[in-house]
Amino acid sequence: PDYALGIEAASPQKEGDGTIEEGNRRLLLAIRQGDGSYQVR
């Protein structure tokens, strides 16, 4: 079992040289590993 996860910025976020505005969204694909943990792949 793997997961697709939608997250959104709760406030403006500084990332690298830019800023992600509040309400912007990101899709994460969390894949189950052999030890049962999950990693964003």
All heavy atoms as atom14 arrays in JSON, in Angstrom:
{
  "sequence": "PDYALGIEAASPQKEGDGTIEEGNRRLLLAIRQGDGSYQVR",
  "atom14_mask": [
    [1, 1, 1, 1, 1, 1, 1, 0, 0, 0, 0, 0, 0, 0],
    [1, 1, 1, 1, 1, 1, 1, 1, 0, 0, 0, 0, 0, 0],
    [1, 1, 1, 1, 1, 1, 1, 1, 1, 1, 1, 1, 0, 0],
    [1, 1, 1, 1, 1, 0, 0, 0, 0, 0, 0, 0, 0, 0],
    [1, 1, 1, 1, 1, 1, 1, 1, 0, 0, 0, 0, 0, 0],
    [1, 1, 1, 1, 0, 0, 0, 0, 0, 0, 0, 0, 0, 0],
    [1, 1, 1, 1, 1, 1, 1, 1, 0, 0, 0, 0, 0, 0],
    [1, 1, 1, 1, 1, 1, 1, 1, 1, 0, 0, 0, 0, 0],
    [1, 1, 1, 1, 1, 0, 0, 0, 0, 0, 0, 0, 0, 0],
    [1, 1, 1, 1, 1, 0, 0, 0, 0, 0, 0, 0, 0, 0],
    [1, 1, 1, 1, 1, 1, 0, 0, 0, 0, 0, 0, 0, 0],
    [1, 1, 1, 1, 1, 1, 1, 0, 0, 0, 0, 0, 0, 0],
    [1, 1, 1, 1, 1, 1, 1, 1, 1, 0, 0, 0, 0, 0],
    [1, 1, 1, 1, 1, 1, 1, 1, 1, 0, 0, 0, 0, 0],
    [1, 1, 1, 1, 1, 1, 1, 1, 1, 0, 0, 0, 0, 0],
    [1, 1, 1, 1, 0, 0, 0, 0, 0, 0, 0, 0, 0, 0],
    [1, 1, 1, 1, 1, 1, 1, 1, 0, 0, 0, 0, 0, 0],
    [1, 1, 1, 1, 0, 0, 0, 0, 0, 0, 0, 0, 0, 0],
    [1, 1, 1, 1, 1, 1, 1, 0, 0, 0, 0, 0, 0, 0],
    [1, 1, 1, 1, 1, 1, 1, 1, 0, 0, 0, 0, 0, 0],
    [1, 1, 1, 1, 1, 1, 1, 1, 1, 0, 0, 0, 0, 0],
    [1, 1, 1, 1, 1, 1, 1, 1, 1, 0, 0, 0, 0, 0],
    [1, 1, 1, 1, 0, 0, 0, 0, 0, 0, 0, 0, 0, 0],
    [1, 1, 1, 1, 1, 1, 1, 1, 0, 0, 0, 0, 0, 0],
    [1, 1, 1, 1, 1, 1, 1, 1, 1, 1, 1, 0, 0, 0],
    [1, 1, 1, 1, 1, 1, 1, 1, 1, 1, 1, 0, 0, 0],
    [1, 1, 1, 1, 1, 1, 1, 1, 0, 0, 0, 0, 0, 0],
    [1, 1, 1, 1, 1, 1, 1, 1, 0, 0, 0, 0, 0, 0],
    [1, 1, 1, 1, 1, 1, 1, 1, 0, 0, 0, 0, 0, 0],
    [1, 1, 1, 1, 1, 0, 0, 0, 0, 0, 0, 0, 0, 0],
    [1, 1, 1, 1, 1, 1, 1, 1, 0, 0, 0, 0, 0, 0],
    [1, 1, 1, 1, 1, 1, 1, 1, 1, 1, 1, 0, 0, 0],
    [1, 1, 1, 1, 1, 1, 1, 1, 1, 0, 0, 0, 0, 0],
    [1, 1, 1, 1, 0, 0, 0, 0, 0, 0, 0, 0, 0, 0],
    [1, 1, 1, 1, 1, 1, 1, 1, 0, 0, 0, 0, 0, 0],
    [1, 1, 1, 1, 0, 0, 0, 0, 0, 0, 0, 0, 0, 0],
    [1, 1, 1, 1, 1, 1, 0, 0, 0, 0, 0, 0, 0, 0],
    [1, 1, 1, 1, 1, 1, 1, 1, 1, 1, 1, 1, 0, 0],
    [1, 1, 1, 1, 1, 1, 1, 1, 1, 0, 0, 0, 0, 0],
    [1, 1, 1, 1, 1, 1, 1, 0, 0, 0, 0, 0, 0, 0],
    [1, 1, 1, 1, 1, 1, 1, 1, 1, 1, 1, 0, 0, 0]
  ],
  "atom14_positions": [
    [[0.83, -1.22, 0.0], [0.0, 0.0, 0.0], [0.86, 1.26, 0.0], [1.73, 1.43, 0.86], [-0.8, -0.12, 1.3], [0.09, -0.94, 2.21], [0.8, -1.92, 1.3], [0.0, 0.0, 0.0], [0.0, 0.0, 0.0], [0.0, 0.0, 0.0], [0.0, 0.0, 0.0], [0.0, 0.0, 0.0], [0.0, 0.0, 0.0], [0.0, 0.0, 0.0]],
    [[0.63, 2.12, -0.96], [1.31, 3.42, -1.06], [0.28, 4.52, -0.89], [-0.93, 4.26, -0.82], [1.99, 3.56, -2.42], [2.9, 2.38, -2.74], [3.73, 2.05, -1.9], [2.76, 1.8, -3.84], [0.0, 0.0, 0.0], [0.0, 0.0, 0.0], [0.0, 0.0, 0.0], [0.0, 0.0, 0.0], [0.0, 0.0, 0.0], [0.0, 0.0, 0.0]],
    [[0.75, 5.78, -0.85], [-0.16, 6.91, -0.66], [0.17, 8.06, -1.6], [1.34, 8.34, -1.87], [-0.09, 7.44, 0.78], [-0.71, 6.54, 1.83], [0.08, 5.61, 2.51], [-2.07, 6.63, 2.13], [-0.47, 4.78, 3.47], [-2.62, 5.8, 3.1], [-1.82, 4.88, 3.77], [-2.38, 4.07, 4.72], [0.0, 0.0, 0.0], [0.0, 0.0, 0.0]],
    [[-0.88, 8.71, -2.07], [-0.76, 10.01, -2.73], [-1.3, 11.03, -1.73], [-2.4, 10.86, -1.19], [-1.57, 10.05, -4.02], [0.0, 0.0, 0.0], [0.0, 0.0, 0.0], [0.0, 0.0, 0.0], [0.0, 0.0, 0.0], [0.0, 0.0, 0.0], [0.0, 0.0, 0.0], [0.0, 0.0, 0.0], [0.0, 0.0, 0.0], [0.0, 0.0, 0.0]],
    [[-0.5, 12.05, -1.47], [-0.83, 13.01, -0.42], [-0.81, 14.42, -0.97], [0.16, 14.84, -1.61], [0.18, 12.87, 0.72], [0.15, 13.87, 1.86], [-1.18, 13.81, 2.59], [1.31, 13.6, 2.83], [0.0, 0.0, 0.0], [0.0, 0.0, 0.0], [0.0, 0.0, 0.0], [0.0, 0.0, 0.0], [0.0, 0.0, 0.0], [0.0, 0.0, 0.0]],
    [[-1.9, 15.16, -0.78], [-1.96, 16.56, -1.17], [-1.74, 17.44, 0.05], [-2.41, 17.27, 1.08], [0.0, 0.0, 0.0], [0.0, 0.0, 0.0], [0.0, 0.0, 0.0], [0.0, 0.0, 0.0], [0.0, 0.0, 0.0], [0.0, 0.0, 0.0], [0.0, 0.0, 0.0], [0.0, 0.0, 0.0], [0.0, 0.0, 0.0], [0.0, 0.0, 0.0]],
    [[-0.76, 18.35, -0.03], [-0.5, 19.26, 1.09], [-0.55, 20.7, 0.57], [-0.37, 20.94, -0.63], [0.87, 18.99, 1.75], [2.02, 19.19, 0.76], [0.9, 17.59, 2.34], [3.4, 19.04, 1.38], [0.0, 0.0, 0.0], [0.0, 0.0, 0.0], [0.0, 0.0, 0.0], [0.0, 0.0, 0.0], [0.0, 0.0, 0.0], [0.0, 0.0, 0.0]],
    [[-0.82, 21.65, 1.46], [-0.85, 23.05, 1.07], [-0.1, 23.9, 2.09], [0.0, 23.54, 3.28], [-2.28, 23.55, 0.92], [-3.09, 23.56, 2.2], [-4.54, 23.97, 1.97], [-4.99, 23.94, 0.82], [-5.22, 24.3, 2.97], [0.0, 0.0, 0.0], [0.0, 0.0, 0.0], [0.0, 0.0, 0.0], [0.0, 0.0, 0.0], [0.0, 0.0, 0.0]],
    [[0.46, 24.99, 1.6], [1.21, 25.89, 2.47], [0.24, 26.59, 3.42], [-0.71, 27.24, 2.99], [1.97, 26.91, 1.64], [0.0, 0.0, 0.0], [0.0, 0.0, 0.0], [0.0, 0.0, 0.0], [0.0, 0.0, 0.0], [0.0, 0.0, 0.0], [0.0, 0.0, 0.0], [0.0, 0.0, 0.0], [0.0, 0.0, 0.0], [0.0, 0.0, 0.0]],
    [[0.49, 26.44, 4.72], [-0.36, 27.08, 5.72], [-0.02, 28.56, 5.88], [-0.81, 29.33, 6.42], [-0.23, 26.37, 7.06], [0.0, 0.0, 0.0], [0.0, 0.0, 0.0], [0.0, 0.0, 0.0], [0.0, 0.0, 0.0], [0.0, 0.0, 0.0], [0.0, 0.0, 0.0], [0.0, 0.0, 0.0], [0.0, 0.0, 0.0], [0.0, 0.0, 0.0]],
    [[1.15, 28.94, 5.39], [1.63, 30.33, 5.42], [2.71, 30.43, 4.35], [3.19, 29.41, 3.85], [2.19, 30.68, 6.81], [3.27, 29.84, 7.14], [0.0, 0.0, 0.0], [0.0, 0.0, 0.0], [0.0, 0.0, 0.0], [0.0, 0.0, 0.0], [0.0, 0.0, 0.0], [0.0, 0.0, 0.0], [0.0, 0.0, 0.0], [0.0, 0.0, 0.0]],
    [[3.1, 31.64, 3.95], [4.16, 31.76, 2.94], [5.42, 31.02, 3.37], [5.86, 31.15, 4.51], [4.39, 33.27, 2.86], [3.08, 33.87, 3.26], [2.55, 32.96, 4.34], [0.0, 0.0, 0.0], [0.0, 0.0, 0.0], [0.0, 0.0, 0.0], [0.0, 0.0, 0.0], [0.0, 0.0, 0.0], [0.0, 0.0, 0.0], [0.0, 0.0, 0.0]],
    [[5.98, 30.22, 2.46], [7.14, 29.39, 2.78], [8.33, 29.78, 1.9], [8.2, 29.87, 0.68], [6.81, 27.91, 2.55], [5.64, 27.39, 3.35], [5.89, 27.42, 4.83], [6.95, 27.01, 5.3], [4.92, 27.92, 5.59], [0.0, 0.0, 0.0], [0.0, 0.0, 0.0], [0.0, 0.0, 0.0], [0.0, 0.0, 0.0], [0.0, 0.0, 0.0]],
    [[9.46, 30.01, 2.54], [10.69, 30.29, 1.82], [11.33, 28.97, 1.39], [11.6, 28.11, 2.23], [11.68, 31.06, 2.7], [11.29, 32.51, 2.95], [11.59, 33.38, 1.72], [11.38, 34.86, 2.03], [11.65, 35.7, 0.83], [0.0, 0.0, 0.0], [0.0, 0.0, 0.0], [0.0, 0.0, 0.0], [0.0, 0.0, 0.0], [0.0, 0.0, 0.0]],
    [[11.54, 28.81, 0.1], [12.2, 27.61, -0.41], [13.19, 28.03, -1.48], [12.8, 28.6, -2.5], [11.19, 26.62, -0.96], [10.34, 25.95, 0.1], [9.63, 24.71, -0.4], [9.77, 24.39, -1.6], [8.92, 24.07, 0.4], [0.0, 0.0, 0.0], [0.0, 0.0, 0.0], [0.0, 0.0, 0.0], [0.0, 0.0, 0.0], [0.0, 0.0, 0.0]],
    [[14.45, 27.74, -1.26], [15.47, 28.15, -2.21], [15.53, 29.66, -2.3], [15.62, 30.36, -1.29], [0.0, 0.0, 0.0], [0.0, 0.0, 0.0], [0.0, 0.0, 0.0], [0.0, 0.0, 0.0], [0.0, 0.0, 0.0], [0.0, 0.0, 0.0], [0.0, 0.0, 0.0], [0.0, 0.0, 0.0], [0.0, 0.0, 0.0], [0.0, 0.0, 0.0]],
    [[15.46, 30.16, -3.52], [15.5, 31.61, -3.73], [14.11, 32.23, -3.86], [13.98, 33.42, -4.12], [16.3, 31.94, -5.01], [17.77, 31.53, -4.89], [18.28, 31.56, -3.76], [18.36, 31.17, -5.92], [0.0, 0.0, 0.0], [0.0, 0.0, 0.0], [0.0, 0.0, 0.0], [0.0, 0.0, 0.0], [0.0, 0.0, 0.0], [0.0, 0.0, 0.0]],
    [[13.07, 31.4, -3.7], [11.72, 31.92, -3.9], [10.83, 31.73, -2.69], [11.26, 31.23, -1.64], [0.0, 0.0, 0.0], [0.0, 0.0, 0.0], [0.0, 0.0, 0.0], [0.0, 0.0, 0.0], [0.0, 0.0, 0.0], [0.0, 0.0, 0.0], [0.0, 0.0, 0.0], [0.0, 0.0, 0.0], [0.0, 0.0, 0.0], [0.0, 0.0, 0.0]],
    [[9.59, 32.15, -2.85], [8.59, 32.04, -1.79], [7.36, 31.33, -2.33], [6.87, 31.66, -3.41], [8.18, 33.42, -1.26], [9.32, 34.08, -0.72], [7.12, 33.29, -0.17], [0.0, 0.0, 0.0], [0.0, 0.0, 0.0], [0.0, 0.0, 0.0], [0.0, 0.0, 0.0], [0.0, 0.0, 0.0], [0.0, 0.0, 0.0], [0.0, 0.0, 0.0]],
    [[6.87, 30.35, -1.6], [5.64, 29.66, -1.95], [4.52, 30.33, -1.17], [4.54, 30.4, 0.05], [5.74, 28.17, -1.62], [6.82, 27.52, -2.48], [4.4, 27.48, -1.82], [7.02, 26.05, -2.21], [0.0, 0.0, 0.0], [0.0, 0.0, 0.0], [0.0, 0.0, 0.0], [0.0, 0.0, 0.0], [0.0, 0.0, 0.0], [0.0, 0.0, 0.0]],
    [[3.53, 30.83, -1.89], [2.45, 31.58, -1.26], [1.51, 30.67, -0.48], [1.37, 29.47, -0.79], [1.65, 32.35, -2.32], [2.46, 33.38, -3.1], [3.03, 34.47, -2.21], [2.37, 34.8, -1.2], [4.11, 34.98, -2.52], [0.0, 0.0, 0.0], [0.0, 0.0, 0.0], [0.0, 0.0, 0.0], [0.0, 0.0, 0.0], [0.0, 0.0, 0.0]],
    [[0.86, 31.24, 0.52], [-0.13, 30.51, 1.29], [-1.22, 29.99, 0.36], [-1.71, 30.7, -0.51], [-0.74, 31.41, 2.35], [-1.8, 30.73, 3.22], [-2.35, 31.64, 4.28], [-1.83, 32.76, 4.44], [-3.3, 31.23, 4.97], [0.0, 0.0, 0.0], [0.0, 0.0, 0.0], [0.0, 0.0, 0.0], [0.0, 0.0, 0.0], [0.0, 0.0, 0.0]],
    [[-1.61, 28.73, 0.54], [-2.66, 28.14, -0.29], [-2.13, 27.41, -1.51], [-2.88, 26.68, -2.16], [0.0, 0.0, 0.0], [0.0, 0.0, 0.0], [0.0, 0.0, 0.0], [0.0, 0.0, 0.0], [0.0, 0.0, 0.0], [0.0, 0.0, 0.0], [0.0, 0.0, 0.0], [0.0, 0.0, 0.0], [0.0, 0.0, 0.0], [0.0, 0.0, 0.0]],
    [[-0.84, 27.6, -1.85], [-0.25, 26.82, -2.93], [-0.13, 25.37, -2.48], [0.01, 25.08, -1.29], [1.12, 27.37, -3.34], [1.01, 28.56, -4.27], [-0.07, 29.15, -4.41], [2.11, 28.92, -4.9], [0.0, 0.0, 0.0], [0.0, 0.0, 0.0], [0.0, 0.0, 0.0], [0.0, 0.0, 0.0], [0.0, 0.0, 0.0], [0.0, 0.0, 0.0]],
    [[-0.16, 24.47, -3.45], [-0.27, 23.06, -3.11], [0.82, 22.21, -3.73], [1.44, 22.59, -4.72], [-1.65, 22.55, -3.53], [-2.73, 23.13, -2.63], [-4.12, 22.84, -3.09], [-5.07, 23.13, -2.01], [-6.38, 23.13, -2.15], [-6.92, 22.88, -3.32], [-7.15, 23.39, -1.12], [0.0, 0.0, 0.0], [0.0, 0.0, 0.0], [0.0, 0.0, 0.0]],
    [[1.03, 21.04, -3.12], [2.06, 20.11, -3.58], [1.52, 18.68, -3.47], [0.83, 18.34, -2.52], [3.31, 20.28, -2.73], [4.46, 19.34, -3.06], [5.7, 19.71, -2.26], [6.2, 21.04, -2.67], [7.1, 21.73, -1.99], [7.58, 21.25, -0.85], [7.51, 22.9, -2.42], [0.0, 0.0, 0.0], [0.0, 0.0, 0.0], [0.0, 0.0, 0.0]],
    [[1.85, 17.9, -4.46], [1.5, 16.48, -4.46], [2.73, 15.67, -4.05], [3.81, 15.86, -4.61], [1.04, 16.05, -5.85], [0.75, 14.56, -6.04], [-0.48, 14.15, -5.23], [0.56, 14.24, -7.51], [0.0, 0.0, 0.0], [0.0, 0.0, 0.0], [0.0, 0.0, 0.0], [0.0, 0.0, 0.0], [0.0, 0.0, 0.0], [0.0, 0.0, 0.0]],
    [[2.56, 14.79, -3.08], [3.62, 13.9, -2.63], [3.2, 12.46, -2.89], [2.05, 12.08, -2.64], [3.89, 14.06, -1.13], [4.25, 15.46, -0.62], [4.46, 15.41, 0.89], [5.48, 16.01, -1.32], [0.0, 0.0, 0.0], [0.0, 0.0, 0.0], [0.0, 0.0, 0.0], [0.0, 0.0, 0.0], [0.0, 0.0, 0.0], [0.0, 0.0, 0.0]],
    [[4.12, 11.64, -3.4], [3.88, 10.22, -3.58], [4.73, 9.48, -2.56], [5.96, 9.47, -2.64], [4.24, 9.79, -5.0], [3.49, 10.51, -6.12], [3.87, 9.9, -7.47], [1.99, 10.48, -5.91], [0.0, 0.0, 0.0], [0.0, 0.0, 0.0], [0.0, 0.0, 0.0], [0.0, 0.0, 0.0], [0.0, 0.0, 0.0], [0.0, 0.0, 0.0]],
    [[4.07, 8.9, -1.57], [4.74, 8.2, -0.47], [4.72, 6.7, -0.76], [3.64, 6.08, -0.78], [4.07, 8.51, 0.85], [0.0, 0.0, 0.0], [0.0, 0.0, 0.0], [0.0, 0.0, 0.0], [0.0, 0.0, 0.0], [0.0, 0.0, 0.0], [0.0, 0.0, 0.0], [0.0, 0.0, 0.0], [0.0, 0.0, 0.0], [0.0, 0.0, 0.0]],
    [[5.9, 6.12, -0.99], [6.01, 4.72, -1.37], [6.49, 3.89, -0.19], [7.45, 4.25, 0.5], [7.0, 4.57, -2.56], [6.56, 5.47, -3.72], [7.07, 3.11, -3.0], [5.17, 5.21, -4.25], [0.0, 0.0, 0.0], [0.0, 0.0, 0.0], [0.0, 0.0, 0.0], [0.0, 0.0, 0.0], [0.0, 0.0, 0.0], [0.0, 0.0, 0.0]],
    [[5.8, 2.78, 0.03], [6.15, 1.9, 1.15], [7.47, 1.19, 0.87], [7.69, 0.63, -0.22], [5.04, 0.88, 1.39], [5.26, -0.01, 2.62], [4.13, -1.01, 2.75], [4.4, -2.0, 3.78], [3.85, -2.01, 4.99], [3.01, -1.07, 5.33], [4.13, -2.96, 5.84], [0.0, 0.0, 0.0], [0.0, 0.0, 0.0], [0.0, 0.0, 0.0]],
    [[8.36, 1.18, 1.87], [9.66, 0.55, 1.75], [9.62, -0.88, 2.33], [8.64, -1.29, 2.95], [10.71, 1.38, 2.48], [10.78, 2.84, 2.04], [11.09, 2.98, 0.56], [12.19, 2.69, 0.11], [10.11, 3.42, -0.22], [0.0, 0.0, 0.0], [0.0, 0.0, 0.0], [0.0, 0.0, 0.0], [0.0, 0.0, 0.0], [0.0, 0.0, 0.0]],
    [[10.71, -1.61, 2.13], [10.75, -2.99, 2.59], [10.63, -3.14, 4.09], [10.17, -4.19, 4.57], [0.0, 0.0, 0.0], [0.0, 0.0, 0.0], [0.0, 0.0, 0.0], [0.0, 0.0, 0.0], [0.0, 0.0, 0.0], [0.0, 0.0, 0.0], [0.0, 0.0, 0.0], [0.0, 0.0, 0.0], [0.0, 0.0, 0.0], [0.0, 0.0, 0.0]],
    [[11.02, -2.1, 4.85], [10.93, -2.18, 6.31], [9.59, -1.67, 6.85], [9.4, -1.57, 8.05], [12.08, -1.41, 6.96], [12.05, 0.09, 6.63], [11.16, 0.52, 5.86], [12.93, 0.82, 7.13], [0.0, 0.0, 0.0], [0.0, 0.0, 0.0], [0.0, 0.0, 0.0], [0.0, 0.0, 0.0], [0.0, 0.0, 0.0], [0.0, 0.0, 0.0]],
    [[8.67, -1.34, 5.94], [7.35, -0.87, 6.36], [7.22, 0.62, 6.51], [6.13, 1.13, 6.73], [0.0, 0.0, 0.0], [0.0, 0.0, 0.0], [0.0, 0.0, 0.0], [0.0, 0.0, 0.0], [0.0, 0.0, 0.0], [0.0, 0.0, 0.0], [0.0, 0.0, 0.0], [0.0, 0.0, 0.0], [0.0, 0.0, 0.0], [0.0, 0.0, 0.0]],
    [[8.34, 1.36, 6.39], [8.28, 2.82, 6.47], [7.91, 3.39, 5.1], [7.81, 2.65, 4.11], [9.63, 3.38, 6.92], [10.63, 3.14, 5.94], [0.0, 0.0, 0.0], [0.0, 0.0, 0.0], [0.0, 0.0, 0.0], [0.0, 0.0, 0.0], [0.0, 0.0, 0.0], [0.0, 0.0, 0.0], [0.0, 0.0, 0.0], [0.0, 0.0, 0.0]],
    [[7.72, 4.7, 5.04], [7.36, 5.36, 3.79], [8.37, 6.45, 3.46], [8.87, 7.14, 4.35], [5.96, 5.98, 3.89], [4.86, 4.95, 3.82], [4.42, 4.29, 4.97], [4.26, 4.63, 2.61], [3.42, 3.33, 4.91], [3.26, 3.68, 2.54], [2.84, 3.03, 3.68], [1.87, 2.08, 3.61], [0.0, 0.0, 0.0], [0.0, 0.0, 0.0]],
    [[8.66, 6.58, 2.17], [9.53, 7.65, 1.69], [8.85, 8.36, 0.53], [8.13, 7.74, -0.25], [10.88, 7.11, 1.23], [11.77, 6.63, 2.34], [13.16, 6.25, 1.84], [13.5, 6.48, 0.68], [13.96, 5.67, 2.71], [0.0, 0.0, 0.0], [0.0, 0.0, 0.0], [0.0, 0.0, 0.0], [0.0, 0.0, 0.0], [0.0, 0.0, 0.0]],
    [[9.07, 9.68, 0.43], [8.55, 10.45, -0.7], [9.43, 10.14, -1.9], [10.62, 10.46, -1.91], [8.55, 11.96, -0.41], [8.16, 12.75, -1.65], [7.6, 12.27, 0.74], [0.0, 0.0, 0.0], [0.0, 0.0, 0.0], [0.0, 0.0, 0.0], [0.0, 0.0, 0.0], [0.0, 0.0, 0.0], [0.0, 0.0, 0.0], [0.0, 0.0, 0.0]],
    [[8.86, 9.5, -2.93], [9.61, 9.14, -4.12], [9.14, 9.92, -5.35], [9.51, 9.6, -6.47], [9.48, 7.63, -4.37], [10.23, 6.79, -3.35], [11.72, 7.16, -3.34], [12.48, 6.37, -2.39], [13.17, 5.28, -2.72], [13.16, 4.85, -3.95], [13.85, 4.64, -1.8], [0.0, 0.0, 0.0], [0.0, 0.0, 0.0], [0.0, 0.0, 0.0]]
  ]
}
